[in-house]
């Protein structure tokens, strides 16, 4: 009788461990990077930056993407990269401004799904990391339908 209880407990512990491993190894990364495929292929990503997260949501014909990267390079270098890259090809840099310790770069594109959004570039205090946060809306109709208007809370 005791052997059956011990074996049953061992099976339950093993099942809980397997579910835990699957949750942390498969489910969490799948959710954390679920929006990776929604970042436009021609969107400039800072060279060597590490993708920390990418989420996408869809509503009413609009896709909103929130992504973040980190790099060991200084914020000034990252800002200069984006000012140059978001002023070429289909991309247009529409504004650059300070918001607290972050530099905000507003942009839009003339490509097929009309992406528009902003980047926030900020150095992390007490660390050598620079964080790059992207908020982007894209739709085949007017981006204003997405309620993510650049520079305006929607």
C-alpha atoms as a PDB file:
ATOM      1  CA  UNK A   1       0.000   0.000   0.000  1.00  0.00           C
ATOM      2  CA  UNK A   2       2.804   2.435   0.908  1.00  0.00           C
ATOM      3  CA  UNK A   3       4.645   1.569  -2.309  1.00  0.00           C
ATOM      4  CA  UNK A   4       1.567   2.481  -4.357  1.00  0.00           C
ATOM      5  CA  UNK A   5       1.242   5.844  -2.570  1.00  0.00           C
ATOM      6  CA  UNK A   6       4.947   6.626  -3.075  1.00  0.00           C
ATOM      7  CA  UNK A   7       4.790   5.643  -6.763  1.00  0.00           C
ATOM      8  CA  UNK A   8       1.642   7.727  -7.242  1.00  0.00           C
ATOM      9  CA  UNK A   9       3.266  10.741  -5.567  1.00  0.00           C
ATOM     10  CA  UNK A  10       6.356  10.317  -7.750  1.00  0.00           C
ATOM     11  CA  UNK A  11       4.236  10.256 -10.901  1.00  0.00           C
ATOM     12  CA  UNK A  12       2.404  13.420  -9.834  1.00  0.00           C
ATOM     13  CA  UNK A  13       5.671  15.207  -9.031  1.00  0.00           C
ATOM     14  CA  UNK A  14       7.067  14.181 -12.418  1.00  0.00           C
ATOM     15  CA  UNK A  15       3.942  15.456 -14.197  1.00  0.00           C
ATOM     16  CA  UNK A  16       4.108  18.784 -12.352  1.00  0.00           C
ATOM     17  CA  UNK A  17       7.790  19.168 -13.254  1.00  0.00           C
ATOM     18  CA  UNK A  18       7.079  18.384 -16.922  1.00  0.00           C
ATOM     19  CA  UNK A  19       4.209  20.897 -17.046  1.00  0.00           C
ATOM     20  CA  UNK A  20       6.411  23.507 -15.334  1.00  0.00           C
ATOM     21  CA  UNK A  21       9.250  22.980 -17.795  1.00  0.00           C
ATOM     22  CA  UNK A  22       6.894  23.209 -20.762  1.00  0.00           C
ATOM     23  CA  UNK A  23       5.307  26.362 -19.343  1.00  0.00           C
ATOM     24  CA  UNK A  24       8.614  28.172 -18.835  1.00  0.00           C
ATOM     25  CA  UNK A  25      10.429  26.782 -21.890  1.00  0.00           C
ATOM     26  CA  UNK A  26       7.638  26.931 -24.463  1.00  0.00           C
ATOM     27  CA  UNK A  27       4.628  28.993 -23.396  1.00  0.00           C
ATOM     28  CA  UNK A  28       6.348  32.041 -21.854  1.00  0.00           C
ATOM     29  CA  UNK A  29       8.764  32.569 -24.807  1.00  0.00           C
ATOM     30  CA  UNK A  30       5.911  32.064 -27.288  1.00  0.00           C
ATOM     31  CA  UNK A  31       3.881  34.803 -25.607  1.00  0.00           C
ATOM     32  CA  UNK A  32       6.861  37.113 -25.029  1.00  0.00           C
ATOM     33  CA  UNK A  33       7.816  37.080 -28.715  1.00  0.00           C
ATOM     34  CA  UNK A  34       4.367  36.590 -30.283  1.00  0.00           C
ATOM     35  CA  UNK A  35       4.589  39.903 -32.166  1.00  0.00           C
ATOM     36  CA  UNK A  36       8.007  39.336 -33.739  1.00  0.00           C
ATOM     37  CA  UNK A  37       6.474  38.479 -37.120  1.00  0.00           C
ATOM     38  CA  UNK A  38       4.384  41.670 -37.081  1.00  0.00           C
ATOM     39  CA  UNK A  39       7.393  44.004 -37.104  1.00  0.00           C
ATOM     40  CA  UNK A  40       7.696  45.163 -40.735  1.00  0.00           C
ATOM     41  CA  UNK A  41      10.513  43.396 -42.567  1.00  0.00           C
ATOM     42  CA  UNK A  42      11.969  46.698 -43.750  1.00  0.00           C
ATOM     43  CA  UNK A  43      11.904  48.287 -40.279  1.00  0.00           C
ATOM     44  CA  UNK A  44      15.460  49.164 -39.258  1.00  0.00           C
ATOM     45  CA  UNK A  45      16.630  47.254 -36.195  1.00  0.00           C
ATOM     46  CA  UNK A  46      19.721  48.573 -34.456  1.00  0.00           C
ATOM     47  CA  UNK A  47      22.683  46.301 -35.351  1.00  0.00           C
ATOM     48  CA  UNK A  48      23.471  43.837 -32.576  1.00  0.00           C
ATOM     49  CA  UNK A  49      20.449  44.820 -30.470  1.00  0.00           C
ATOM     50  CA  UNK A  50      18.860  41.971 -28.504  1.00  0.00           C
ATOM     51  CA  UNK A  51      15.094  41.558 -28.902  1.00  0.00           C
ATOM     52  CA  UNK A  52      13.715  41.472 -25.350  1.00  0.00           C
ATOM     53  CA  UNK A  53       9.992  41.245 -26.183  1.00  0.00           C
ATOM     54  CA  UNK A  54       7.499  41.685 -29.014  1.00  0.00           C
ATOM     55  CA  UNK A  55       3.732  41.700 -28.553  1.00  0.00           C
ATOM     56  CA  UNK A  56       1.040  42.255 -31.157  1.00  0.00           C
ATOM     57  CA  UNK A  57      -2.672  42.841 -30.828  1.00  0.00           C
ATOM     58  CA  UNK A  58      -5.334  43.049 -33.497  1.00  0.00           C
ATOM     59  CA  UNK A  59      -8.638  44.902 -33.404  1.00  0.00           C
ATOM     60  CA  UNK A  60     -10.859  46.337 -36.115  1.00  0.00           C
ATOM     61  CA  UNK A  61      -8.434  45.886 -39.002  1.00  0.00           C
ATOM     62  CA  UNK A  62      -5.546  47.366 -37.021  1.00  0.00           C
ATOM     63  CA  UNK A  63      -2.440  45.635 -35.723  1.00  0.00           C
ATOM     64  CA  UNK A  64      -0.515  47.263 -32.912  1.00  0.00           C
ATOM     65  CA  UNK A  65       3.008  46.070 -32.141  1.00  0.00           C
ATOM     66  CA  UNK A  66       4.990  46.790 -28.978  1.00  0.00           C
ATOM     67  CA  UNK A  67       8.585  45.590 -29.014  1.00  0.00           C
ATOM     68  CA  UNK A  68      11.731  46.292 -27.062  1.00  0.00           C
ATOM     69  CA  UNK A  69      15.400  45.734 -27.674  1.00  0.00           C
ATOM     70  CA  UNK A  70      18.532  46.367 -25.632  1.00  0.00           C
ATOM     71  CA  UNK A  71      22.104  47.118 -26.648  1.00  0.00           C
ATOM     72  CA  UNK A  72      25.378  47.916 -24.951  1.00  0.00           C
ATOM     73  CA  UNK A  73      25.918  50.918 -27.237  1.00  0.00           C
ATOM     74  CA  UNK A  74      25.243  54.422 -25.968  1.00  0.00           C
ATOM     75  CA  UNK A  75      21.910  56.154 -26.505  1.00  0.00           C
ATOM     76  CA  UNK A  76      23.462  58.880 -28.676  1.00  0.00           C
ATOM     77  CA  UNK A  77      24.745  56.292 -31.135  1.00  0.00           C
ATOM     78  CA  UNK A  78      21.373  54.497 -31.243  1.00  0.00           C
ATOM     79  CA  UNK A  79      19.502  57.789 -31.764  1.00  0.00           C
ATOM     80  CA  UNK A  80      21.846  58.788 -34.612  1.00  0.00           C
ATOM     81  CA  UNK A  81      21.278  55.384 -36.256  1.00  0.00           C
ATOM     82  CA  UNK A  82      17.494  55.756 -36.147  1.00  0.00           C
ATOM     83  CA  UNK A  83      17.532  59.379 -37.264  1.00  0.00           C
ATOM     84  CA  UNK A  84      19.434  58.279 -40.369  1.00  0.00           C
ATOM     85  CA  UNK A  85      17.549  55.009 -41.022  1.00  0.00           C
ATOM     86  CA  UNK A  86      14.076  56.483 -40.474  1.00  0.00           C
ATOM     87  CA  UNK A  87      14.824  59.180 -43.054  1.00  0.00           C
ATOM     88  CA  UNK A  88      15.501  56.805 -45.959  1.00  0.00           C
ATOM     89  CA  UNK A  89      13.466  54.623 -48.267  1.00  0.00           C
ATOM     90  CA  UNK A  90       9.794  54.298 -47.368  1.00  0.00           C
ATOM     91  CA  UNK A  91      10.381  55.618 -43.819  1.00  0.00           C
ATOM     92  CA  UNK A  92       9.913  59.244 -42.768  1.00  0.00           C
ATOM     93  CA  UNK A  93      11.073  60.635 -39.430  1.00  0.00           C
ATOM     94  CA  UNK A  94       8.322  63.089 -38.454  1.00  0.00           C
ATOM     95  CA  UNK A  95       9.567  64.362 -35.072  1.00  0.00           C
ATOM     96  CA  UNK A  96      12.270  63.940 -32.449  1.00  0.00           C
ATOM     97  CA  UNK A  97      11.668  65.122 -28.895  1.00  0.00           C
ATOM     98  CA  UNK A  98      12.682  64.537 -25.282  1.00  0.00           C
ATOM     99  CA  UNK A  99      10.317  62.971 -22.776  1.00  0.00           C
ATOM    100  CA  UNK A 100      12.010  62.729 -19.414  1.00  0.00           C
ATOM    101  CA  UNK A 101      15.248  60.816 -19.934  1.00  0.00           C
ATOM    102  CA  UNK A 102      14.057  59.213 -23.193  1.00  0.00           C
ATOM    103  CA  UNK A 103      14.406  60.481 -26.734  1.00  0.00           C
ATOM    104  CA  UNK A 104      11.236  59.863 -28.741  1.00  0.00           C
ATOM    105  CA  UNK A 105      11.420  59.457 -32.514  1.00  0.00           C
ATOM    106  CA  UNK A 106       8.077  59.601 -34.340  1.00  0.00           C
ATOM    107  CA  UNK A 107       7.935  57.984 -37.773  1.00  0.00           C
ATOM    108  CA  UNK A 108       5.671  56.754 -40.526  1.00  0.00           C
ATOM    109  CA  UNK A 109       6.050  54.758 -43.701  1.00  0.00           C
ATOM    110  CA  UNK A 110       4.486  54.794 -47.125  1.00  0.00           C
ATOM    111  CA  UNK A 111       4.619  51.001 -47.434  1.00  0.00           C
ATOM    112  CA  UNK A 112       1.510  48.876 -48.009  1.00  0.00           C
ATOM    113  CA  UNK A 113       0.159  48.609 -44.466  1.00  0.00           C
ATOM    114  CA  UNK A 114       0.848  52.258 -43.539  1.00  0.00           C
ATOM    115  CA  UNK A 115       2.941  51.644 -40.409  1.00  0.00           C
ATOM    116  CA  UNK A 116       3.230  54.604 -38.092  1.00  0.00           C
ATOM    117  CA  UNK A 117       4.559  54.868 -34.568  1.00  0.00           C
ATOM    118  CA  UNK A 118       7.365  55.925 -32.322  1.00  0.00           C
ATOM    119  CA  UNK A 119      10.585  54.701 -30.776  1.00  0.00           C
ATOM    120  CA  UNK A 120      11.757  55.579 -27.289  1.00  0.00           C
ATOM    121  CA  UNK A 121      15.525  55.369 -26.744  1.00  0.00           C
ATOM    122  CA  UNK A 122      16.740  55.541 -23.171  1.00  0.00           C
ATOM    123  CA  UNK A 123      19.916  54.729 -21.265  1.00  0.00           C
ATOM    124  CA  UNK A 124      19.397  52.639 -18.178  1.00  0.00           C
ATOM    125  CA  UNK A 125      20.645  54.276 -14.978  1.00  0.00           C
ATOM    126  CA  UNK A 126      23.377  52.291 -13.207  1.00  0.00           C
ATOM    127  CA  UNK A 127      23.824  50.077 -16.271  1.00  0.00           C
ATOM    128  CA  UNK A 128      25.574  50.236 -19.611  1.00  0.00           C
ATOM    129  CA  UNK A 129      22.428  49.117 -21.461  1.00  0.00           C
ATOM    130  CA  UNK A 130      20.379  51.283 -23.788  1.00  0.00           C
ATOM    131  CA  UNK A 131      16.733  50.315 -24.231  1.00  0.00           C
ATOM    132  CA  UNK A 132      14.832  50.782 -27.475  1.00  0.00           C
ATOM    133  CA  UNK A 133      11.027  50.583 -27.255  1.00  0.00           C
ATOM    134  CA  UNK A 134       8.835  50.467 -30.338  1.00  0.00           C
ATOM    135  CA  UNK A 135       5.113  51.192 -30.549  1.00  0.00           C
ATOM    136  CA  UNK A 136       3.792  50.738 -34.068  1.00  0.00           C
ATOM    137  CA  UNK A 137       0.348  50.613 -35.638  1.00  0.00           C
ATOM    138  CA  UNK A 138      -0.359  49.271 -39.090  1.00  0.00           C
ATOM    139  CA  UNK A 139      -3.499  48.880 -41.128  1.00  0.00           C
ATOM    140  CA  UNK A 140      -4.640  48.812 -44.719  1.00  0.00           C
ATOM    141  CA  UNK A 141      -6.974  51.742 -43.937  1.00  0.00           C
ATOM    142  CA  UNK A 142      -6.221  54.987 -42.075  1.00  0.00           C
ATOM    143  CA  UNK A 143      -3.811  54.567 -39.161  1.00  0.00           C
ATOM    144  CA  UNK A 144      -5.997  56.977 -37.182  1.00  0.00           C
ATOM    145  CA  UNK A 145      -8.476  54.086 -36.944  1.00  0.00           C
ATOM    146  CA  UNK A 146      -5.932  52.301 -34.741  1.00  0.00           C
ATOM    147  CA  UNK A 147      -6.118  54.803 -31.885  1.00  0.00           C
ATOM    148  CA  UNK A 148      -2.318  54.909 -31.754  1.00  0.00           C
ATOM    149  CA  UNK A 149      -1.651  58.347 -33.103  1.00  0.00           C
ATOM    150  CA  UNK A 150       1.929  59.513 -32.931  1.00  0.00           C
ATOM    151  CA  UNK A 151       2.380  62.040 -30.171  1.00  0.00           C
ATOM    152  CA  UNK A 152      -1.237  61.769 -29.016  1.00  0.00           C
ATOM    153  CA  UNK A 153      -2.740  59.413 -26.461  1.00  0.00           C
ATOM    154  CA  UNK A 154      -5.482  57.565 -28.278  1.00  0.00           C
END
